[in-house]
Structure formats: C-alpha cells, structure tokens
Amino acid sequence: MPPAFLNKKQVARARGRRQSPPVSTPQNEIDEIVDAAIAAAPECVRQRVILPAIDWSRVTPLKVELLLSSLEQACLAVPRWLAKSLLLAGHTLGGDAARTLPPSLAALNRLNDATGESDERASIALAIAMLAHDPNVDPDIAAALVRRLLALSWDADAVSLALKQYHRAPHVLKIAGNLFDAHVARLPVVRLRIAGTSTTWMMADALGPAIAVEGARAEITEAPFGSALAALLSPPDD
C-alpha cells in the first residue's frame, strides 16, 4: 500500500518496528562484568585478573557469598589480596578464610561484623591493643580499623590505635579528627624549643603526635631560621 494511504495505526506500528532496542546503561554493563567474574572466580583467582579491579563496596553480600562459595568448591583458598579488598569494602569472611587471616585483617573482619554492643567491644579490645605496636599493619588496614572503630562509637580505641600507628600511617590522625585534638588537650604539657641550621617546621609537625603517643602534649616553639648555634650559645629564658 502506498505511504499516502497508510492510516495512523499502521504508521504507528511501522515506527514501533523501526525503533532501536533499549540501550543498556554503563552500570548494568558493569554489573554483568562483575557477575561474570564471580561465576569464573576460580580462574580469575588463579590468573589474578578482573577481581582486583572490582569495587567490592558496590557488590552485595550475597554476591560475595557466591564468590567465596565458588572458590571453596574449587578447593581454592581466598588469597590475601582478595581478602584485603573484601574486608576494606566492609564485607566479612568466615570459615577457613577467616581463620587464616593475619592479625590486622582478622581484627577488621571482626569489626565489620560488630554492631557496637559493649560485650563485643570487650572481646575485640585485646586484639586492637595488640595491633598498636604491630609493625606489619598495612596503612590502608590501619585507616579502615580507625574508621570502623569510630563508626561503632568506640572513640577511645580509635584514637589510641591512630596514635600508635601514626608513624606508619600519618593520615589516620586526620580520620580521628577532633577526637584526637580533644584527647591531646587532656594530656600533661611538655614544653620544647626547636632550633636548626635550616627549616624546622616539618620536625615540629611530627613531634606533636610522636610525643602524644608517649602520653604528653607538646607545646613547641621554633627558633628563627638557621639560628641553631645562636640558640645554643644564648638560650632564651623561656
């Protein structure tokens, strides 16, 4: 039938047939990739591909369970790099995967599962205290531990851990924020004066937290630039 004689319904049906199929959104495409990677988890672990690039904070706990189940069925242990990524994203591990974690990841695993009850805090406090001087705590894990402690309102534990891990992960004090400042304000004062042959401001910034770790609040003054010898020969009265 010539186009001139098509009625409105026929025209509408013809236009409908010519319409393109719905275009998938980027997020849907990413979800499909994640699902495919989880389905192929054993091979992805063996080759260490795709899984390290996934933002696990956007993956549901159910899908993480599928991932762990897939590895278990393949008789593969959860590798340390994957365990770290999952725990940093707030997930928890159980069974053999949890039993083989190093102390810092084991503590984060327990904190991720905690709800903030007082009995939970008592049972986890010792593990957190043991991490205070652990030289093997990864800076990212230290930061995640402090954030999780704050989220549970266990502020004193968070500040204590941040102070003890400061020299390995300086950014943890910023996470503690005003709580750290309030803690330091309550400490006894130690007065210090710094003099050097060059700038000393970096040392002054580092000394404050370092002395706070030892239980004191440093009140620091700095001598003028390059005045170390003069300060030694004629120390100020203060």
C-alpha atoms as a PDB file:
ATOM      1  CA  MET A   1       0.000   0.000   0.000  1.00  0.00           C
ATOM      2  CA  PRO A   2       1.463   3.407  -0.918  1.00  0.00           C
ATOM      3  CA  PRO A   3       2.551   5.534   2.054  1.00  0.00           C
ATOM      4  CA  ALA A   4      -0.123   8.107   1.267  1.00  0.00           C
ATOM      5  CA  PHE A   5      -2.878   5.588   2.081  1.00  0.00           C
ATOM      6  CA  LEU A   6      -1.485   4.289   5.412  1.00  0.00           C
ATOM      7  CA  ASN A   7      -3.766   5.048   8.356  1.00  0.00           C
ATOM      8  CA  LYS A   8      -2.489   6.324  11.693  1.00  0.00           C
ATOM      9  CA  LYS A   9      -2.415   2.890  13.365  1.00  0.00           C
ATOM     10  CA  GLN A  10      -0.343   1.415  10.543  1.00  0.00           C
ATOM     11  CA  VAL A  11       2.102   4.299  10.698  1.00  0.00           C
ATOM     12  CA  ALA A  12       2.486   3.896  14.471  1.00  0.00           C
ATOM     13  CA  ARG A  13       3.135   0.147  14.112  1.00  0.00           C
ATOM     14  CA  ALA A  14       5.736   0.774  11.414  1.00  0.00           C
ATOM     15  CA  ARG A  15       7.535   3.340  13.562  1.00  0.00           C
ATOM     16  CA  GLY A  16       7.495   0.968  16.510  1.00  0.00           C
ATOM     17  CA  ARG A  17       9.176  -1.751  14.435  1.00  0.00           C
ATOM     18  CA  ARG A  18      11.907   0.675  13.400  1.00  0.00           C
ATOM     19  CA  GLN A  19      12.746   1.732  16.991  1.00  0.00           C
ATOM     20  CA  SER A  20      16.113   0.579  18.327  1.00  0.00           C
ATOM     21  CA  PRO A  21      16.198  -1.832  21.292  1.00  0.00           C
ATOM     22  CA  PRO A  22      16.767  -0.259  24.740  1.00  0.00           C
ATOM     23  CA  VAL A  23      20.379   0.701  25.334  1.00  0.00           C
ATOM     24  CA  SER A  24      21.903  -0.808  28.477  1.00  0.00           C
ATOM     25  CA  THR A  25      23.324   1.640  30.977  1.00  0.00           C
ATOM     26  CA  PRO A  26      27.018   1.590  31.920  1.00  0.00           C
ATOM     27  CA  GLN A  27      26.101   0.415  35.441  1.00  0.00           C
ATOM     28  CA  ASN A  28      24.194  -2.564  34.056  1.00  0.00           C
ATOM     29  CA  GLU A  29      27.172  -3.461  31.907  1.00  0.00           C
ATOM     30  CA  ILE A  30      29.489  -3.247  34.939  1.00  0.00           C
ATOM     31  CA  ASP A  31      27.116  -5.472  36.928  1.00  0.00           C
ATOM     32  CA  GLU A  32      27.227  -8.029  34.132  1.00  0.00           C
ATOM     33  CA  ILE A  33      31.034  -7.992  34.190  1.00  0.00           C
ATOM     34  CA  VAL A  34      31.059  -8.440  37.972  1.00  0.00           C
ATOM     35  CA  ASP A  35      28.600 -11.326  37.742  1.00  0.00           C
ATOM     36  CA  ALA A  36      30.696 -12.986  35.049  1.00  0.00           C
ATOM     37  CA  ALA A  37      33.866 -12.547  37.117  1.00  0.00           C
ATOM     38  CA  ILE A  38      32.190 -14.102  40.153  1.00  0.00           C
ATOM     39  CA  ALA A  39      30.985 -17.020  38.040  1.00  0.00           C
ATOM     40  CA  ALA A  40      34.570 -17.526  36.824  1.00  0.00           C
ATOM     41  CA  ALA A  41      36.120 -16.742  40.224  1.00  0.00           C
ATOM     42  CA  PRO A  42      38.484 -19.765  40.438  1.00  0.00           C
ATOM     43  CA  GLU A  43      40.138 -18.962  37.117  1.00  0.00           C
ATOM     44  CA  CYS A  44      40.211 -15.229  37.904  1.00  0.00           C
ATOM     45  CA  VAL A  45      41.995 -16.004  41.185  1.00  0.00           C
ATOM     46  CA  ARG A  46      44.500 -18.305  39.509  1.00  0.00           C
ATOM     47  CA  GLN A  47      45.409 -15.626  36.983  1.00  0.00           C
ATOM     48  CA  ARG A  48      44.776 -12.688  39.313  1.00  0.00           C
ATOM     49  CA  VAL A  49      42.673 -10.840  36.761  1.00  0.00           C
ATOM     50  CA  ILE A  50      39.430  -8.807  36.887  1.00  0.00           C
ATOM     51  CA  LEU A  51      38.742  -9.401  40.605  1.00  0.00           C
ATOM     52  CA  PRO A  52      41.435  -6.919  41.785  1.00  0.00           C
ATOM     53  CA  ALA A  53      39.788  -4.188  39.697  1.00  0.00           C
ATOM     54  CA  ILE A  54      36.303  -4.581  41.203  1.00  0.00           C
ATOM     55  CA  ASP A  55      34.971  -2.021  43.675  1.00  0.00           C
ATOM     56  CA  TRP A  56      33.705  -4.518  46.244  1.00  0.00           C
ATOM     57  CA  SER A  57      31.905  -1.837  48.253  1.00  0.00           C
ATOM     58  CA  ARG A  58      29.324  -1.782  45.439  1.00  0.00           C
ATOM     59  CA  VAL A  59      28.857  -5.560  45.439  1.00  0.00           C
ATOM     60  CA  THR A  60      26.137  -7.082  47.623  1.00  0.00           C
ATOM     61  CA  PRO A  61      26.988  -9.511  50.436  1.00  0.00           C
ATOM     62  CA  LEU A  62      25.018 -12.203  48.601  1.00  0.00           C
ATOM     63  CA  LYS A  63      27.270 -11.952  45.572  1.00  0.00           C
ATOM     64  CA  VAL A  64      30.339 -12.050  47.813  1.00  0.00           C
ATOM     65  CA  GLU A  65      28.971 -15.268  49.333  1.00  0.00           C
ATOM     66  CA  LEU A  66      28.632 -16.697  45.823  1.00  0.00           C
ATOM     67  CA  LEU A  67      32.239 -15.734  45.125  1.00  0.00           C
ATOM     68  CA  LEU A  68      33.518 -17.419  48.284  1.00  0.00           C
ATOM     69  CA  SER A  69      31.385 -20.495  47.660  1.00  0.00           C
ATOM     70  CA  SER A  70      32.765 -20.781  44.139  1.00  0.00           C
ATOM     71  CA  LEU A  71      36.334 -20.713  45.444  1.00  0.00           C
ATOM     72  CA  GLU A  72      35.522 -23.259  48.130  1.00  0.00           C
ATOM     73  CA  GLN A  73      34.003 -25.652  45.602  1.00  0.00           C
ATOM     74  CA  ALA A  74      37.162 -25.321  43.513  1.00  0.00           C
ATOM     75  CA  CYS A  75      39.266 -26.109  46.639  1.00  0.00           C
ATOM     76  CA  LEU A  76      40.941 -22.714  46.398  1.00  0.00           C
ATOM     77  CA  ALA A  77      41.845 -20.633  49.453  1.00  0.00           C
ATOM     78  CA  VAL A  78      40.884 -16.969  49.453  1.00  0.00           C
ATOM     79  CA  PRO A  79      44.145 -15.194  48.531  1.00  0.00           C
ATOM     80  CA  ARG A  80      45.398 -12.452  50.818  1.00  0.00           C
ATOM     81  CA  TRP A  81      44.928  -9.711  48.215  1.00  0.00           C
ATOM     82  CA  LEU A  82      41.284 -10.655  47.708  1.00  0.00           C
ATOM     83  CA  ALA A  83      40.611 -10.966  51.428  1.00  0.00           C
ATOM     84  CA  LYS A  84      42.044  -7.489  51.959  1.00  0.00           C
ATOM     85  CA  SER A  85      39.890  -5.986  49.197  1.00  0.00           C
ATOM     86  CA  LEU A  86      36.728  -7.562  50.550  1.00  0.00           C
ATOM     87  CA  LEU A  87      37.395  -6.505  54.137  1.00  0.00           C
ATOM     88  CA  LEU A  88      38.318  -2.947  53.167  1.00  0.00           C
ATOM     89  CA  ALA A  89      34.955  -2.792  51.393  1.00  0.00           C
ATOM     90  CA  GLY A  90      33.165  -3.741  54.622  1.00  0.00           C
ATOM     91  CA  HIS A  91      32.445  -7.399  53.942  1.00  0.00           C
ATOM     92  CA  THR A  92      33.136 -10.273  56.335  1.00  0.00           C
ATOM     93  CA  LEU A  93      34.765 -13.665  55.916  1.00  0.00           C
ATOM     94  CA  GLY A  94      34.006 -16.902  57.701  1.00  0.00           C
ATOM     95  CA  GLY A  95      35.306 -20.434  57.986  1.00  0.00           C
ATOM     96  CA  ASP A  96      38.823 -21.219  56.813  1.00  0.00           C
ATOM     97  CA  ALA A  97      39.092 -17.824  55.115  1.00  0.00           C
ATOM     98  CA  ALA A  98      38.708 -16.095  58.496  1.00  0.00           C
ATOM     99  CA  ARG A  99      40.962 -18.499  60.411  1.00  0.00           C
ATOM    100  CA  THR A 100      43.949 -17.866  58.129  1.00  0.00           C
ATOM    101  CA  LEU A 101      43.819 -14.059  58.263  1.00  0.00           C
ATOM    102  CA  PRO A 102      46.771 -12.138  59.758  1.00  0.00           C
ATOM    103  CA  PRO A 103      46.015 -10.242  62.993  1.00  0.00           C
ATOM    104  CA  SER A 104      45.187  -6.885  61.398  1.00  0.00           C
ATOM    105  CA  LEU A 105      42.770  -8.354  58.841  1.00  0.00           C
ATOM    106  CA  ALA A 106      41.280 -10.657  61.486  1.00  0.00           C
ATOM    107  CA  ALA A 107      40.552  -7.606  63.653  1.00  0.00           C
ATOM    108  CA  LEU A 108      38.954  -5.758  60.728  1.00  0.00           C
ATOM    109  CA  ASN A 109      36.877  -8.843  59.938  1.00  0.00           C
ATOM    110  CA  ARG A 110      35.528  -8.883  63.493  1.00  0.00           C
ATOM    111  CA  LEU A 111      34.871  -5.139  63.458  1.00  0.00           C
ATOM    112  CA  ASN A 112      32.973  -5.392  60.162  1.00  0.00           C
ATOM    113  CA  ASP A 113      30.715  -7.950  61.804  1.00  0.00           C
ATOM    114  CA  ALA A 114      30.270  -5.988  65.048  1.00  0.00           C
ATOM    115  CA  THR A 115      27.178  -3.961  65.889  1.00  0.00           C
ATOM    116  CA  GLY A 116      28.617  -1.820  68.709  1.00  0.00           C
ATOM    117  CA  GLU A 117      27.483  -3.774  71.761  1.00  0.00           C
ATOM    118  CA  SER A 118      29.617  -3.451  74.906  1.00  0.00           C
ATOM    119  CA  ASP A 119      30.326  -7.185  75.120  1.00  0.00           C
ATOM    120  CA  GLU A 120      31.649  -7.096  71.562  1.00  0.00           C
ATOM    121  CA  ARG A 121      33.988  -4.270  72.466  1.00  0.00           C
ATOM    122  CA  ALA A 122      35.394  -6.185  75.424  1.00  0.00           C
ATOM    123  CA  SER A 123      36.182  -9.205  73.262  1.00  0.00           C
ATOM    124  CA  ILE A 124      37.785  -7.171  70.462  1.00  0.00           C
ATOM    125  CA  ALA A 125      39.686  -4.680  72.643  1.00  0.00           C
ATOM    126  CA  LEU A 126      42.599  -7.053  73.259  1.00  0.00           C
ATOM    127  CA  ALA A 127      43.048  -7.725  69.541  1.00  0.00           C
ATOM    128  CA  ILE A 128      43.062  -3.985  68.830  1.00  0.00           C
ATOM    129  CA  ALA A 129      45.543  -3.337  71.645  1.00  0.00           C
ATOM    130  CA  MET A 130      47.902  -5.972  70.245  1.00  0.00           C
ATOM    131  CA  LEU A 131      47.897  -4.169  66.901  1.00  0.00           C
ATOM    132  CA  ALA A 132      49.083  -0.916  68.482  1.00  0.00           C
ATOM    133  CA  HIS A 133      52.764  -1.716  68.021  1.00  0.00           C
ATOM    134  CA  ASP A 134      52.479  -4.248  65.203  1.00  0.00           C
ATOM    135  CA  PRO A 135      54.983  -3.169  62.513  1.00  0.00           C
ATOM    136  CA  ASN A 136      53.200  -5.208  59.859  1.00  0.00           C
ATOM    137  CA  VAL A 137      49.887  -3.341  59.824  1.00  0.00           C
ATOM    138  CA  ASP A 138      49.189  -2.069  56.318  1.00  0.00           C
ATOM    139  CA  PRO A 139      48.406   1.695  56.286  1.00  0.00           C
ATOM    140  CA  ASP A 140      45.129   1.068  54.452  1.00  0.00           C
ATOM    141  CA  ILE A 141      44.117  -1.506  57.048  1.00  0.00           C
ATOM    142  CA  ALA A 142      45.066   0.852  59.895  1.00  0.00           C
ATOM    143  CA  ALA A 143      42.855   3.559  58.386  1.00  0.00           C
ATOM    144  CA  ALA A 144      39.965   1.128  57.920  1.00  0.00           C
ATOM    145  CA  LEU A 145      40.286  -0.064  61.520  1.00  0.00           C
ATOM    146  CA  VAL A 146      40.133   3.500  62.838  1.00  0.00           C
ATOM    147  CA  ARG A 147      37.121   4.340  60.644  1.00  0.00           C
ATOM    148  CA  ARG A 148      35.280   1.221  61.756  1.00  0.00           C
ATOM    149  CA  LEU A 149      36.014   1.874  65.440  1.00  0.00           C
ATOM    150  CA  LEU A 150      34.639   5.391  65.036  1.00  0.00           C
ATOM    151  CA  ALA A 151      31.556   4.064  63.251  1.00  0.00           C
ATOM    152  CA  LEU A 152      30.921   1.796  66.242  1.00  0.00           C
ATOM    153  CA  SER A 153      31.384   4.810  68.591  1.00  0.00           C
ATOM    154  CA  TRP A 154      34.405   3.168  70.220  1.00  0.00           C
ATOM    155  CA  ASP A 155      36.191   6.500  70.144  1.00  0.00           C
ATOM    156  CA  ALA A 156      38.876   5.849  72.762  1.00  0.00           C
ATOM    157  CA  ASP A 157      40.021   2.699  70.942  1.00  0.00           C
ATOM    158  CA  ALA A 158      40.054   4.576  67.642  1.00  0.00           C
ATOM    159  CA  VAL A 159      42.217   7.420  68.975  1.00  0.00           C
ATOM    160  CA  SER A 160      44.576   5.035  70.754  1.00  0.00           C
ATOM    161  CA  LEU A 161      45.123   2.953  67.611  1.00  0.00           C
ATOM    162  CA  ALA A 162      45.524   6.080  65.459  1.00  0.00           C
ATOM    163  CA  LEU A 163      48.240   7.391  67.777  1.00  0.00           C
ATOM    164  CA  LYS A 164      50.116   4.094  67.921  1.00  0.00           C
ATOM    165  CA  GLN A 165      50.022   3.627  64.143  1.00  0.00           C
ATOM    166  CA  TYR A 166      50.704   7.286  63.324  1.00  0.00           C
ATOM    167  CA  HIS A 167      54.349   6.825  62.311  1.00  0.00           C
ATOM    168  CA  ARG A 168      53.355   4.098  59.818  1.00  0.00           C
ATOM    169  CA  ALA A 169      50.145   5.737  58.589  1.00  0.00           C
ATOM    170  CA  PRO A 170      50.175   9.505  59.338  1.00  0.00           C
ATOM    171  CA  HIS A 171      46.765  10.056  57.722  1.00  0.00           C
ATOM    172  CA  VAL A 172      44.967   8.098  60.457  1.00  0.00           C
ATOM    173  CA  LEU A 173      45.097  11.116  62.782  1.00  0.00           C
ATOM    174  CA  LYS A 174      43.076  13.124  60.267  1.00  0.00           C
ATOM    175  CA  ILE A 175      40.468  10.374  60.346  1.00  0.00           C
ATOM    176  CA  ALA A 176      40.232  10.691  64.137  1.00  0.00           C
ATOM    177  CA  GLY A 177      39.834  14.465  63.672  1.00  0.00           C
ATOM    178  CA  ASN A 178      38.508  16.413  66.645  1.00  0.00           C
ATOM    179  CA  LEU A 179      38.627  13.343  68.868  1.00  0.00           C
ATOM    180  CA  PHE A 180      42.408  13.333  68.572  1.00  0.00           C
ATOM    181  CA  ASP A 181      42.603  17.041  69.397  1.00  0.00           C
ATOM    182  CA  ALA A 182      40.378  16.549  72.445  1.00  0.00           C
ATOM    183  CA  HIS A 183      42.495  13.620  73.624  1.00  0.00           C
ATOM    184  CA  VAL A 184      45.747  15.566  73.315  1.00  0.00           C
ATOM    185  CA  ALA A 185      44.263  18.584  75.115  1.00  0.00           C
ATOM    186  CA  ARG A 186      43.824  16.458  78.245  1.00  0.00           C
ATOM    187  CA  LEU A 187      47.469  15.311  78.376  1.00  0.00           C
ATOM    188  CA  PRO A 188      50.145  16.862  80.621  1.00  0.00           C
ATOM    189  CA  VAL A 189      52.234  19.535  78.912  1.00  0.00           C
ATOM    190  CA  VAL A 190      55.863  19.235  77.818  1.00  0.00           C
ATOM    191  CA  ARG A 191      57.489  22.439  76.534  1.00  0.00           C
ATOM    192  CA  LEU A 192      60.003  22.159  73.701  1.00  0.00           C
ATOM    193  CA  ARG A 193      62.016  24.623  71.633  1.00  0.00           C
ATOM    194  CA  ILE A 194      63.439  23.595  68.272  1.00  0.00           C
ATOM    195  CA  ALA A 195      66.401  25.240  66.584  1.00  0.00           C
ATOM    196  CA  GLY A 196      68.226  24.161  63.451  1.00  0.00           C
ATOM    197  CA  THR A 197      70.522  25.188  60.634  1.00  0.00           C
ATOM    198  CA  SER A 198      67.571  25.066  58.234  1.00  0.00           C
ATOM    199  CA  THR A 199      63.783  24.968  58.430  1.00  0.00           C
ATOM    200  CA  THR A 200      62.338  23.044  61.372  1.00  0.00           C
ATOM    201  CA  TRP A 201      58.595  23.143  60.732  1.00  0.00           C
ATOM    202  CA  MET A 202      58.421  19.553  59.471  1.00  0.00           C
ATOM    203  CA  MET A 203      60.070  18.322  62.650  1.00  0.00           C
ATOM    204  CA  ALA A 204      57.712  20.406  64.762  1.00  0.00           C
ATOM    205  CA  ASP A 205      54.682  18.917  62.987  1.00  0.00           C
ATOM    206  CA  ALA A 206      55.954  15.377  63.556  1.00  0.00           C
ATOM    207  CA  LEU A 207      56.928  15.857  67.200  1.00  0.00           C
ATOM    208  CA  GLY A 208      53.426  16.689  68.396  1.00  0.00           C
ATOM    209  CA  PRO A 209      51.826  13.320  67.599  1.00  0.00           C
ATOM    210  CA  ALA A 210      55.021  11.429  68.484  1.00  0.00           C
ATOM    211  CA  ILE A 211      55.030  12.909  71.978  1.00  0.00           C
ATOM    212  CA  ALA A 212      51.272  12.382  72.314  1.00  0.00           C
ATOM    213  CA  VAL A 213      51.910   8.653  71.776  1.00  0.00           C
ATOM    214  CA  GLU A 214      54.053   8.771  74.931  1.00  0.00           C
ATOM    215  CA  GLY A 215      51.257  10.450  76.892  1.00  0.00           C
ATOM    216  CA  ALA A 216      52.180  14.139  76.805  1.00  0.00           C
ATOM    217  CA  ARG A 217      51.113  17.273  74.932  1.00  0.00           C
ATOM    218  CA  ALA A 218      53.965  19.136  73.315  1.00  0.00           C
ATOM    219  CA  GLU A 219      53.989  22.928  73.365  1.00  0.00           C
ATOM    220  CA  ILE A 220      56.579  23.669  70.709  1.00  0.00           C
ATOM    221  CA  THR A 221      58.262  26.925  69.792  1.00  0.00           C
ATOM    222  CA  GLU A 222      60.680  27.294  66.919  1.00  0.00           C
ATOM    223  CA  ALA A 223      63.829  29.413  66.806  1.00  0.00           C
ATOM    224  CA  PRO A 224      64.293  31.650  63.756  1.00  0.00           C
ATOM    225  CA  PHE A 225      65.638  30.108  60.562  1.00  0.00           C
ATOM    226  CA  GLY A 226      69.260  28.982  60.779  1.00  0.00           C
ATOM    227  CA  SER A 227      69.725  30.096  64.385  1.00  0.00           C
ATOM    228  CA  ALA A 228      70.768  26.782  65.959  1.00  0.00           C
ATOM    229  CA  LEU A 229      74.208  27.985  67.078  1.00  0.00           C
ATOM    230  CA  ALA A 230      72.857  31.243  68.496  1.00  0.00           C
ATOM    231  CA  ALA A 231      70.135  29.381  70.370  1.00  0.00           C
ATOM    232  CA  LEU A 232      72.742  27.058  71.906  1.00  0.00           C
ATOM    233  CA  LEU A 233      75.054  29.846  72.930  1.00  0.00           C
ATOM    234  CA  SER A 234      72.312  32.129  74.236  1.00  0.00           C
ATOM    235  CA  PRO A 235      69.216  30.062  75.015  1.00  0.00           C
ATOM    236  CA  PRO A 236      66.067  32.126  75.585  1.00  0.00           C
ATOM    237  CA  ASP A 237      64.715  32.462  79.090  1.00  0.00           C
ATOM    238  CA  ASP A 238      61.517  30.583  78.254  1.00  0.00           C
END
